[in-house]
């Protein structure tokens, strides 16, 4: 089965226990979010964004093998 490499940052790394994990391939970001919460239930309590190929996504996004996926904690600019 194909795998996705998922990077995590900040508090999300603490919850997952690693800054990078290999995860079973899923078709889109909504499926990925559900599978991540299933694998790491504490994520359900946290707000986080998903970036695909260094672009923050705001809607369901199709995934392809080789995509660079990052889980990002809330952040603020100033």
N, C-alpha and C. Protein backbone atom coordinates (compact mmCIF):
# COMPACT_ATOMS: atom_id res chain seq x y z
N UNK A 1 0.84 -1.19 0.00
CA UNK A 1 0.00 0.00 0.00
C UNK A 1 0.88 1.24 0.00
N UNK A 2 0.47 2.21 -0.75
CA UNK A 2 1.21 3.48 -0.82
C UNK A 2 1.08 4.24 0.50
N UNK A 3 2.07 5.07 0.78
CA UNK A 3 2.11 5.83 2.03
C UNK A 3 2.28 7.32 1.75
N UNK A 4 1.80 8.12 2.68
CA UNK A 4 1.99 9.56 2.65
C UNK A 4 2.94 9.94 3.77
N UNK A 5 3.84 10.87 3.51
CA UNK A 5 4.70 11.39 4.56
C UNK A 5 4.03 12.67 5.09
N UNK A 6 3.78 12.67 6.39
CA UNK A 6 3.08 13.78 7.04
C UNK A 6 4.02 14.38 8.07
N UNK A 7 4.29 15.67 7.96
CA UNK A 7 5.14 16.37 8.93
C UNK A 7 4.23 17.11 9.91
N UNK A 8 4.68 17.20 11.16
CA UNK A 8 3.92 17.93 12.16
C UNK A 8 4.82 18.97 12.82
N UNK A 9 4.19 20.00 13.36
CA UNK A 9 4.92 21.10 13.97
C UNK A 9 4.28 21.49 15.30
N UNK A 10 5.10 22.07 16.18
CA UNK A 10 4.62 22.60 17.45
C UNK A 10 3.96 21.56 18.32
N UNK A 11 2.86 21.93 18.94
CA UNK A 11 2.12 21.06 19.84
C UNK A 11 1.68 19.77 19.15
N UNK A 12 1.44 19.83 17.86
CA UNK A 12 1.00 18.65 17.13
C UNK A 12 2.08 17.56 17.15
N UNK A 13 3.34 17.97 17.12
CA UNK A 13 4.45 17.01 17.22
C UNK A 13 4.41 16.32 18.58
N UNK A 14 4.10 17.08 19.64
CA UNK A 14 4.01 16.49 20.97
C UNK A 14 2.88 15.47 21.04
N UNK A 15 1.74 15.77 20.43
CA UNK A 15 0.59 14.87 20.45
C UNK A 15 0.88 13.59 19.67
N UNK A 16 1.48 13.74 18.49
CA UNK A 16 1.75 12.60 17.63
C UNK A 16 2.98 11.81 18.11
N UNK A 17 3.92 12.53 18.70
CA UNK A 17 5.12 11.87 19.22
C UNK A 17 6.28 11.86 18.24
N UNK A 18 6.08 12.42 17.06
CA UNK A 18 7.13 12.48 16.03
C UNK A 18 6.92 13.74 15.20
N UNK A 19 7.98 14.22 14.57
CA UNK A 19 7.82 15.38 13.69
C UNK A 19 7.51 14.96 12.25
N UNK A 20 7.55 13.65 12.00
CA UNK A 20 7.24 13.14 10.67
C UNK A 20 6.75 11.70 10.81
N UNK A 21 5.63 11.39 10.15
CA UNK A 21 5.10 10.02 10.18
C UNK A 21 4.74 9.60 8.76
N UNK A 22 4.82 8.32 8.52
CA UNK A 22 4.31 7.75 7.27
C UNK A 22 2.91 7.24 7.56
N UNK A 23 1.98 7.60 6.68
CA UNK A 23 0.58 7.30 6.93
C UNK A 23 -0.01 6.62 5.70
N UNK A 24 -0.92 5.69 5.90
CA UNK A 24 -1.57 5.03 4.77
C UNK A 24 -2.19 6.06 3.84
N UNK A 25 -2.06 5.83 2.54
CA UNK A 25 -2.59 6.77 1.55
C UNK A 25 -4.11 6.88 1.67
N UNK A 26 -4.60 8.10 1.59
CA UNK A 26 -6.03 8.40 1.50
C UNK A 26 -6.22 9.35 0.33
N UNK A 27 -7.45 9.46 -0.16
CA UNK A 27 -7.72 10.23 -1.37
C UNK A 27 -7.70 11.74 -1.20
N UNK A 28 -8.06 12.22 0.01
CA UNK A 28 -8.16 13.68 0.16
C UNK A 28 -7.88 14.09 1.61
N UNK A 29 -7.82 15.40 1.80
CA UNK A 29 -7.44 15.95 3.10
C UNK A 29 -8.49 15.69 4.18
N UNK A 30 -9.77 15.62 3.84
CA UNK A 30 -10.79 15.31 4.84
C UNK A 30 -10.62 13.89 5.36
N UNK A 31 -10.35 12.95 4.46
CA UNK A 31 -10.10 11.57 4.87
C UNK A 31 -8.84 11.51 5.74
N UNK A 32 -7.83 12.26 5.37
CA UNK A 32 -6.59 12.28 6.15
C UNK A 32 -6.86 12.79 7.55
N UNK A 33 -7.60 13.88 7.67
CA UNK A 33 -7.91 14.45 8.99
C UNK A 33 -8.64 13.41 9.85
N UNK A 34 -9.62 12.73 9.28
CA UNK A 34 -10.37 11.71 10.03
C UNK A 34 -9.47 10.57 10.48
N UNK A 35 -8.59 10.09 9.60
CA UNK A 35 -7.69 8.99 9.93
C UNK A 35 -6.66 9.41 10.98
N UNK A 36 -6.19 10.65 10.90
CA UNK A 36 -5.25 11.15 11.90
C UNK A 36 -5.90 11.22 13.27
N UNK A 37 -7.14 11.71 13.32
CA UNK A 37 -7.86 11.81 14.60
C UNK A 37 -8.14 10.42 15.15
N UNK A 38 -8.43 9.47 14.26
CA UNK A 38 -8.64 8.09 14.69
C UNK A 38 -7.36 7.52 15.30
N UNK A 39 -6.23 7.79 14.68
CA UNK A 39 -4.95 7.28 15.16
C UNK A 39 -4.44 8.04 16.39
N UNK A 40 -4.73 9.33 16.46
CA UNK A 40 -4.26 10.19 17.55
C UNK A 40 -5.46 10.98 18.09
N UNK A 41 -6.28 10.37 18.94
CA UNK A 41 -7.54 10.99 19.40
C UNK A 41 -7.39 12.39 20.01
N UNK A 42 -6.25 12.69 20.59
CA UNK A 42 -6.07 14.04 21.18
C UNK A 42 -6.16 15.13 20.13
N UNK A 43 -5.90 14.80 18.85
CA UNK A 43 -5.99 15.81 17.80
C UNK A 43 -7.41 16.38 17.67
N UNK A 44 -8.40 15.61 18.06
CA UNK A 44 -9.79 16.07 17.95
C UNK A 44 -10.03 17.31 18.79
N UNK A 45 -9.28 17.45 19.86
CA UNK A 45 -9.44 18.59 20.77
C UNK A 45 -8.66 19.82 20.31
N UNK A 46 -7.86 19.66 19.28
CA UNK A 46 -6.98 20.76 18.84
C UNK A 46 -7.42 21.33 17.50
N UNK A 47 -7.14 22.58 17.33
CA UNK A 47 -7.33 23.22 16.03
C UNK A 47 -6.01 23.14 15.29
N UNK A 48 -6.06 22.67 14.05
CA UNK A 48 -4.84 22.63 13.25
C UNK A 48 -5.20 22.76 11.78
N UNK A 49 -4.23 23.23 11.02
CA UNK A 49 -4.40 23.39 9.58
C UNK A 49 -3.57 22.33 8.88
N UNK A 50 -3.96 22.06 7.64
CA UNK A 50 -3.20 21.14 6.80
C UNK A 50 -2.67 21.92 5.61
N UNK A 51 -1.40 21.74 5.33
CA UNK A 51 -0.80 22.33 4.14
C UNK A 51 -0.42 21.19 3.19
N UNK A 52 -0.69 21.39 1.92
CA UNK A 52 -0.32 20.41 0.90
C UNK A 52 0.61 21.12 -0.07
N UNK A 53 1.80 20.60 -0.21
CA UNK A 53 2.82 21.20 -1.09
C UNK A 53 3.04 22.67 -0.75
N UNK A 54 3.16 22.93 0.55
CA UNK A 54 3.47 24.26 1.11
C UNK A 54 2.37 25.29 0.91
N UNK A 55 1.13 24.83 0.65
CA UNK A 55 -0.01 25.75 0.52
C UNK A 55 -1.07 25.34 1.53
N UNK A 56 -1.46 26.32 2.38
CA UNK A 56 -2.53 26.04 3.33
C UNK A 56 -3.80 25.75 2.55
N UNK A 57 -4.52 24.74 2.96
CA UNK A 57 -5.75 24.41 2.26
C UNK A 57 -6.94 24.82 3.12
N UNK A 58 -8.03 25.22 2.48
CA UNK A 58 -9.22 25.63 3.21
C UNK A 58 -10.44 24.83 2.78
N UNK A 59 -10.23 23.88 1.88
CA UNK A 59 -11.33 23.03 1.43
C UNK A 59 -10.78 21.63 1.15
N UNK A 60 -11.66 20.69 0.89
CA UNK A 60 -11.21 19.33 0.59
C UNK A 60 -10.27 19.39 -0.60
N UNK A 61 -9.11 18.78 -0.44
CA UNK A 61 -8.09 18.78 -1.48
C UNK A 61 -7.67 17.34 -1.78
N UNK A 62 -7.67 16.99 -3.05
CA UNK A 62 -7.23 15.65 -3.46
C UNK A 62 -5.74 15.49 -3.17
N UNK A 63 -5.35 14.30 -2.75
CA UNK A 63 -3.95 14.01 -2.47
C UNK A 63 -3.39 13.06 -3.51
N UNK A 64 -2.10 13.19 -3.75
CA UNK A 64 -1.40 12.31 -4.67
C UNK A 64 -0.13 11.81 -3.99
N UNK A 65 0.33 10.64 -4.39
CA UNK A 65 1.58 10.12 -3.85
C UNK A 65 2.68 11.15 -4.13
N UNK A 66 3.49 11.42 -3.14
CA UNK A 66 4.57 12.39 -3.30
C UNK A 66 4.23 13.78 -2.81
N UNK A 67 2.95 14.04 -2.50
CA UNK A 67 2.59 15.34 -1.96
C UNK A 67 3.30 15.56 -0.63
N UNK A 68 3.69 16.80 -0.38
CA UNK A 68 4.29 17.19 0.88
C UNK A 68 3.16 17.69 1.78
N UNK A 69 2.92 16.98 2.88
CA UNK A 69 1.81 17.31 3.76
C UNK A 69 2.35 17.74 5.11
N UNK A 70 1.80 18.84 5.64
CA UNK A 70 2.22 19.35 6.93
C UNK A 70 1.01 19.66 7.78
N UNK A 71 1.10 19.31 9.05
CA UNK A 71 0.07 19.66 10.04
C UNK A 71 0.60 20.85 10.82
N UNK A 72 -0.17 21.92 10.82
CA UNK A 72 0.30 23.18 11.42
C UNK A 72 -0.61 23.61 12.56
N UNK A 73 -0.04 23.96 13.70
CA UNK A 73 -0.83 24.46 14.81
C UNK A 73 -1.30 25.88 14.49
N UNK A 74 -2.26 26.40 15.27
CA UNK A 74 -2.68 27.78 15.05
C UNK A 74 -1.49 28.72 15.21
N UNK A 75 -1.47 29.76 14.44
CA UNK A 75 -0.40 30.75 14.55
C UNK A 75 -0.98 32.12 14.28
N UNK A 76 -0.28 33.13 14.77
CA UNK A 76 -0.74 34.50 14.54
C UNK A 76 0.44 35.33 14.07
N UNK A 77 0.14 36.31 13.29
CA UNK A 77 1.18 37.19 12.76
C UNK A 77 1.16 38.51 13.49
N UNK A 78 2.12 39.30 13.20
CA UNK A 78 2.12 40.57 13.88
C UNK A 78 3.07 41.53 13.26
